[in-house]
Protein backbone atom coordinates (compact mmCIF):
# COMPACT_ATOMS: atom_id res chain seq x y z
CA MET A 1 17.25 15.65 -36.16
CA GLU A 2 16.78 15.24 -32.43
CA SER A 3 13.33 14.35 -31.15
CA ASN A 4 11.25 16.64 -28.94
CA GLN A 5 12.00 14.50 -25.90
CA GLU A 6 15.74 14.57 -26.59
CA LEU A 7 15.69 18.36 -26.82
CA ILE A 8 13.67 18.61 -23.61
CA ASN A 9 16.03 16.20 -21.83
CA ALA A 10 19.03 18.30 -22.85
CA TYR A 11 17.38 21.36 -21.32
CA ILE A 12 16.38 19.53 -18.12
CA ASN A 13 19.87 18.05 -17.71
CA ASN A 14 21.28 21.56 -17.63
CA TYR A 15 19.67 21.83 -14.16
CA GLN A 16 20.92 18.54 -12.74
CA HIS A 17 22.43 20.46 -9.81
CA SER A 18 18.90 20.83 -8.46
CA LYS A 19 16.26 18.10 -8.53
CA GLN A 20 13.66 20.68 -7.58
CA SER A 21 14.54 22.85 -10.60
CA GLN A 22 14.35 19.85 -12.90
CA ASN A 23 10.93 18.84 -11.59
CA GLN A 24 9.66 22.39 -11.86
CA ARG A 25 10.73 22.61 -15.51
CA LYS A 26 9.33 19.19 -16.39
CA SER A 27 6.00 20.18 -14.88
CA SER A 28 5.95 23.54 -16.68
CA LEU A 29 6.81 22.17 -20.12
CA LYS A 30 3.99 19.63 -19.84
CA TYR A 31 1.55 22.53 -19.95
CA PHE A 32 2.70 23.19 -23.51
CA PHE A 33 3.47 19.65 -24.73
CA GLY A 34 1.26 17.53 -22.47
CA GLU A 35 -1.66 15.54 -23.86
CA ASN A 36 -4.06 16.80 -21.20
CA TYR A 37 -2.93 20.42 -21.54
CA PHE A 38 -2.19 22.58 -24.62
CA ASN A 39 -0.96 19.44 -26.38
CA TYR A 40 1.49 20.80 -28.96
CA GLN A 41 2.32 17.73 -31.08
CA GLU A 42 4.57 18.94 -33.90
CA HIS A 43 8.35 19.08 -33.75
CA ILE A 44 9.84 21.86 -31.66
CA PHE A 45 11.59 23.34 -34.69
CA LYS A 46 8.15 23.99 -36.22
CA ILE A 47 6.96 26.20 -33.36
CA THR A 48 5.94 29.61 -34.68
CA THR A 49 5.43 32.99 -33.05
CA SER A 50 1.72 32.78 -33.80
CA LYS A 51 1.54 29.37 -32.09
CA LEU A 52 3.18 30.83 -28.98
CA LYS A 53 0.59 33.62 -28.97
CA VAL A 54 -2.20 31.02 -29.09
CA TYR A 55 -0.59 29.15 -26.20
CA PHE A 56 -0.27 32.37 -24.20
CA VAL A 57 -4.00 33.09 -24.57
CA TRP A 58 -4.80 29.50 -23.53
CA LEU A 59 -2.52 29.77 -20.49
CA LYS A 60 -3.79 33.21 -19.54
CA ASN A 61 -7.38 31.96 -19.42
CA LEU A 62 -6.65 28.68 -17.65
CA ASP A 63 -8.79 28.64 -14.51
CA THR A 64 -6.98 25.94 -12.51
CA ILE A 65 -3.78 27.86 -11.63
CA ASN A 66 -3.08 31.35 -10.33
CA ILE A 67 -1.35 34.24 -12.07
CA THR A 68 2.06 33.57 -10.46
CA THR A 69 2.06 29.97 -11.63
CA LYS A 70 1.01 31.00 -15.13
CA ARG A 71 3.89 33.45 -15.39
CA ASN A 72 6.32 30.73 -14.29
CA LYS A 73 4.99 28.27 -16.88
CA TRP A 74 5.38 30.85 -19.62
CA ASN A 75 8.87 31.95 -18.55
CA ILE A 76 10.16 28.37 -18.39
CA LEU A 77 8.86 27.63 -21.90
CA ILE A 78 10.65 30.74 -23.20
CA SER A 79 13.79 29.72 -21.32
CA PHE A 80 13.63 26.30 -22.99
CA LEU A 81 13.20 27.81 -26.47
CA ASN A 82 16.12 30.20 -25.97
CA TYR A 83 18.29 27.37 -24.70
CA THR A 84 17.41 25.25 -27.73
CA MET A 85 18.09 28.09 -30.19
CA GLU A 86 21.59 28.52 -28.75
CA ASP A 87 22.43 24.90 -29.61
CA HIS A 88 20.66 24.70 -32.98
CA GLU A 89 21.27 27.39 -35.56
CA GLU A 90 18.55 25.92 -37.79
CA PHE A 91 15.96 26.80 -35.15
CA LEU A 92 15.07 30.48 -34.87
CA ILE A 93 11.85 31.96 -33.54
CA LYS A 94 10.80 35.46 -32.53
CA ILE A 95 9.50 35.38 -28.96
CA PRO A 96 6.33 37.51 -28.66
CA LYS A 97 6.64 40.44 -26.27
CA GLN A 98 4.33 43.29 -27.23
CA THR A 99 1.20 41.11 -27.05
CA ILE A 100 2.14 39.43 -23.76
CA ASN A 101 -0.03 41.07 -21.14
CA TRP A 102 -1.35 39.24 -18.08
CA ARG A 103 -3.87 41.91 -17.16
CA GLY A 104 -7.35 40.40 -17.00
CA SER A 105 -6.14 36.85 -16.52
CA ASN A 106 -8.80 34.87 -14.71
CA GLY A 107 -6.06 33.67 -12.40
CA ASP A 108 -5.45 37.29 -11.41
CA ARG A 109 -8.31 37.26 -8.92
CA LYS A 110 -7.93 36.68 -5.21
CA ASP A 111 -10.97 34.42 -5.15
CA VAL A 112 -9.58 31.89 -7.66
CA LYS A 113 -9.31 28.52 -5.96
CA GLU A 114 -6.72 26.13 -7.32
CA ILE A 115 -7.30 22.43 -7.82
CA ALA A 116 -4.77 19.67 -8.38
CA SER A 117 -4.54 17.96 -11.75
CA LYS A 118 -4.74 14.18 -11.91
CA GLU A 119 -1.07 14.10 -12.79
CA GLU A 120 -0.24 16.12 -9.66
CA ILE A 121 -2.41 13.80 -7.55
CA GLU A 122 -0.43 10.87 -8.92
CA GLN A 123 2.92 12.56 -8.25
CA ILE A 124 2.03 13.49 -4.68
CA LEU A 125 0.85 10.02 -3.72
CA GLN A 126 3.78 8.28 -5.39
CA HIS A 127 6.09 10.57 -3.42
CA PHE A 128 4.55 9.65 -0.05
CA LYS A 129 4.31 5.98 -1.02
CA LYS A 130 8.04 5.96 -1.63
CA TYR A 131 9.08 7.72 1.58
CA ASN A 132 6.46 7.12 4.29
CA PHE A 133 3.65 4.55 4.19
CA LYS A 134 1.62 6.17 7.00
CA HIS A 135 1.73 9.58 5.32
CA TYR A 136 0.77 7.89 2.05
CA LEU A 137 -2.37 6.46 3.67
CA ILE A 138 -3.24 9.80 5.27
CA PHE A 139 -3.04 11.71 2.00
CA ARG A 140 -4.65 8.99 -0.07
CA LEU A 141 -7.64 9.06 2.28
CA LEU A 142 -7.86 12.84 1.99
CA ILE A 143 -7.53 12.67 -1.80
CA GLU A 144 -9.95 9.79 -2.46
CA THR A 145 -12.64 10.85 -0.02
CA GLY A 146 -12.43 14.64 0.02
CA MET A 147 -12.88 14.47 3.78
CA ARG A 148 -11.86 17.43 5.90
CA LYS A 149 -8.49 17.44 7.62
CA GLY A 150 -10.06 17.76 11.06
CA GLU A 151 -12.29 14.76 10.41
CA LEU A 152 -9.27 12.61 9.60
CA ILE A 153 -7.26 13.86 12.57
CA ASN A 154 -10.08 12.90 14.95
CA ALA A 155 -10.89 9.54 13.33
CA LYS A 156 -10.55 6.39 15.49
CA TYR A 157 -9.12 3.14 14.17
CA ASN A 158 -12.43 1.37 14.78
CA ASP A 159 -14.13 3.95 12.52
CA ILE A 160 -12.59 2.17 9.52
CA ASN A 161 -14.70 -0.53 7.88
CA ILE A 162 -12.47 -2.45 5.48
CA GLU A 163 -15.11 -4.80 4.09
CA LYS A 164 -17.65 -2.07 3.27
CA ARG A 165 -14.96 0.45 2.34
CA TYR A 166 -15.91 3.46 4.42
CA ILE A 167 -14.54 5.57 7.25
CA ARG A 168 -17.01 7.01 9.74
CA THR A 169 -16.16 10.46 11.09
CA THR A 170 -17.74 13.30 12.99
CA GLY A 171 -18.50 16.08 10.52
CA LYS A 172 -19.54 19.65 11.23
CA THR A 173 -22.89 18.66 12.70
CA GLU A 174 -23.23 14.88 12.72
CA ASP A 175 -21.59 11.53 12.05
CA VAL A 176 -20.85 10.96 8.37
CA ALA A 177 -19.19 8.29 6.23
CA TYR A 178 -16.74 8.59 3.35
CA TYR A 179 -16.03 5.81 0.86
CA TYR A 180 -12.75 4.74 -0.69
CA SER A 181 -11.33 2.35 -3.31
CA LYS A 182 -10.67 -1.38 -3.06
CA GLU A 183 -6.94 -0.81 -3.43
CA LEU A 184 -6.89 1.64 -0.54
CA ALA A 185 -8.93 -0.81 1.55
CA HIS A 186 -6.15 -3.36 1.01
CA PHE A 187 -3.48 -0.95 2.24
CA LEU A 188 -5.58 0.17 5.20
CA LYS A 189 -6.04 -3.43 6.26
CA GLN A 190 -2.26 -3.84 6.41
CA TYR A 191 -1.95 -0.66 8.45
CA LEU A 192 -4.73 -1.59 10.89
CA ASN A 193 -3.11 -4.96 11.60
CA GLU A 194 -0.07 -3.06 12.88
CA ARG A 195 -2.01 -0.19 14.48
CA GLU A 196 -4.06 -2.53 16.66
CA LYS A 197 -0.86 -4.02 18.13
CA ILE A 198 -0.01 -0.69 19.72
CA SER A 199 -1.12 -1.05 23.33
CA LEU A 200 -2.39 2.41 24.16
CA ASN A 201 -5.43 4.06 25.64
CA ASN A 202 -5.35 6.33 22.59
CA ASP A 203 -7.56 4.85 19.85
CA THR A 204 -6.84 7.58 17.28
CA LEU A 205 -6.40 6.15 13.78
CA PHE A 206 -3.17 7.97 12.88
CA LEU A 207 -0.59 8.81 15.54
CA THR A 208 2.63 10.80 15.38
CA ASN A 209 6.01 9.16 16.00
CA ARG A 210 5.51 10.15 19.64
CA ARG A 211 2.25 8.18 19.60
CA GLU A 212 0.15 11.29 19.98
CA LYS A 213 -2.75 12.65 17.95
CA TYR A 214 -1.75 14.95 15.11
CA SER A 215 -2.34 18.68 15.40
CA ASN A 216 -3.72 20.74 12.49
CA ARG A 217 -0.36 22.03 11.21
CA PRO A 218 1.82 19.03 10.17
CA PHE A 219 -0.28 17.75 7.25
CA ASN A 220 -0.08 20.97 5.24
CA LEU A 221 3.65 21.25 6.02
CA LEU A 222 4.23 17.71 4.76
CA LEU A 223 2.23 18.52 1.65
CA LYS A 224 4.07 21.79 1.06
CA ASN A 225 7.46 20.06 1.29
CA ALA A 226 6.34 17.28 -1.05
CA CYS A 227 5.11 19.77 -3.66
CA LYS A 228 8.38 21.69 -3.40
CA LYS A 229 10.41 18.55 -4.07
CA LEU A 230 8.14 17.62 -6.97
CA GLY A 231 8.36 21.08 -8.54
CA ILE A 232 4.61 21.68 -8.12
CA GLU A 233 4.12 25.44 -7.83
CA LYS A 234 0.45 25.50 -6.88
CA ASN A 235 -0.56 26.29 -3.32
CA ILE A 236 -2.02 22.84 -2.64
CA THR A 237 -3.40 22.30 0.86
CA CYS A 238 -5.41 19.48 2.39
CA HIS A 239 -8.63 21.33 1.58
CA THR A 240 -7.56 21.56 -2.06
CA PHE A 241 -8.26 17.83 -2.36
CA ARG A 242 -11.89 18.39 -1.38
CA ARG A 243 -12.37 20.99 -4.13
CA THR A 244 -10.36 18.86 -6.54
CA ILE A 245 -12.39 15.65 -6.32
CA ASN A 246 -15.62 17.65 -6.50
CA THR A 247 -14.40 19.41 -9.66
CA HIS A 248 -13.22 16.20 -11.34
CA ARG A 249 -16.53 14.51 -10.53
CA LYS A 250 -18.40 17.41 -12.12
CA LYS A 251 -16.32 16.95 -15.28
CA MET A 252 -17.33 13.26 -15.26
CA GLY A 253 -21.00 14.24 -15.35
CA CYS A 254 -21.73 13.61 -11.67
CA SER A 255 -24.83 15.59 -10.68
CA ASN A 256 -24.70 18.33 -8.07
CA GLU A 257 -26.92 16.22 -5.82
CA ASP A 258 -24.63 13.19 -6.02
CA ARG A 259 -21.52 15.31 -5.53
CA LYS A 260 -23.01 16.69 -2.33
CA ILE A 261 -23.91 13.21 -1.15
CA LEU A 262 -20.38 11.90 -1.79
CA LEU A 263 -18.85 14.87 0.05
CA ASN A 264 -21.42 14.66 2.86
CA HIS A 265 -22.80 18.11 2.24
CA LYS A 266 -26.35 18.61 3.41
CA VAL A 267 -28.68 18.32 0.41
CA ASN A 268 -31.22 21.14 0.76
CA ASP A 269 -34.08 19.42 -0.98
CA VAL A 270 -37.02 18.27 1.14
CA ASN A 271 -37.85 15.36 -1.15
CA ILE A 272 -34.25 14.13 -1.11
CA GLU A 273 -33.92 14.51 2.66
CA SER A 274 -37.23 12.77 3.29
CA TYR A 275 -37.20 9.97 0.74
CA LEU A 276 -33.62 9.29 -0.36
CA ILE A 277 -32.60 6.22 1.59
CA MET A 278 -29.52 4.50 0.23
CA ASN A 279 -27.72 1.51 1.71
CA ARG A 280 -23.96 1.12 1.90
CA GLU A 281 -23.77 -0.91 -1.30
CA GLU A 282 -25.53 1.83 -3.28
CA TYR A 283 -23.15 4.45 -1.92
CA LEU A 284 -20.20 2.28 -2.97
CA VAL A 285 -21.62 1.97 -6.48
CA LEU A 286 -21.95 5.75 -6.62
CA PHE A 287 -18.39 6.23 -5.36
CA ASP A 288 -16.91 3.73 -7.82
CA LYS A 289 -18.83 5.23 -10.73
CA TYR A 290 -17.52 8.72 -9.99
CA ASN A 291 -14.01 7.93 -8.80
CA PRO A 292 -11.88 10.22 -11.01
CA TYR A 293 -8.65 8.55 -9.85
CA LYS A 294 -9.46 4.91 -10.62
CA ASN A 295 -7.17 4.75 -13.66
CA LEU A 296 -4.20 6.49 -12.04
CA SER A 297 -1.11 4.77 -10.69
CA LEU A 298 -1.52 5.60 -7.00
């Protein structure tokens, strides 16, 4: 009897004409089989109608993706099951229809804000690392720090402190600092060595190929194209990374106060504002403690 992975591979290979279609199906099936998702662990031939109903309820109430994405995940799983039944007469399952109703899904609200999973963070950064080192650094900074796109666009190359692992930027009202990992510090050091050789009056940290400062539009376009190639259906923008790291930190047990400090939100507590004085080393300890991406392959 073929293993689950062999059956999945057979289905994915049916779409080898389109890398995008293959990635989209791989991503969708992980929601059913993936360890960090629904985590179905038995053999595919043991899937029952009642188990599919349980999965549907789980998917319907998932609060990290919108209603369109949920429908796609469900439809691709059903497509996979139908494909498998065509090739294996010993596998037969009744696909639930009457009980499948998306009305009331908590992803059916306009105010639902999507976040990226850790797996999607890993995929996005590996994509940029493979194709464009500068873009990789840009998006890794956005992902690790949660800094705003405008802050990064306006950052100067002398705002980067490699030794103390922070980038100083101008926030909404004042100068702020964001912290990043040791590994990213290593890559930024390589980049700065080359950036400082460019003899220009422009001291902007990241320049376009025309050696100009980036506008607001290109980053989200780059991100949209990357997600499309990776088969990621979520509407992930640069600001998504700010919500994402804040959400993952909350799941790690990071307090609301510390999350605000790490994202440079103003902490509206008189005692904190008046008496909380932390040095750079203490901020680094806080960042490293609540870095949700430290065990990923970035």
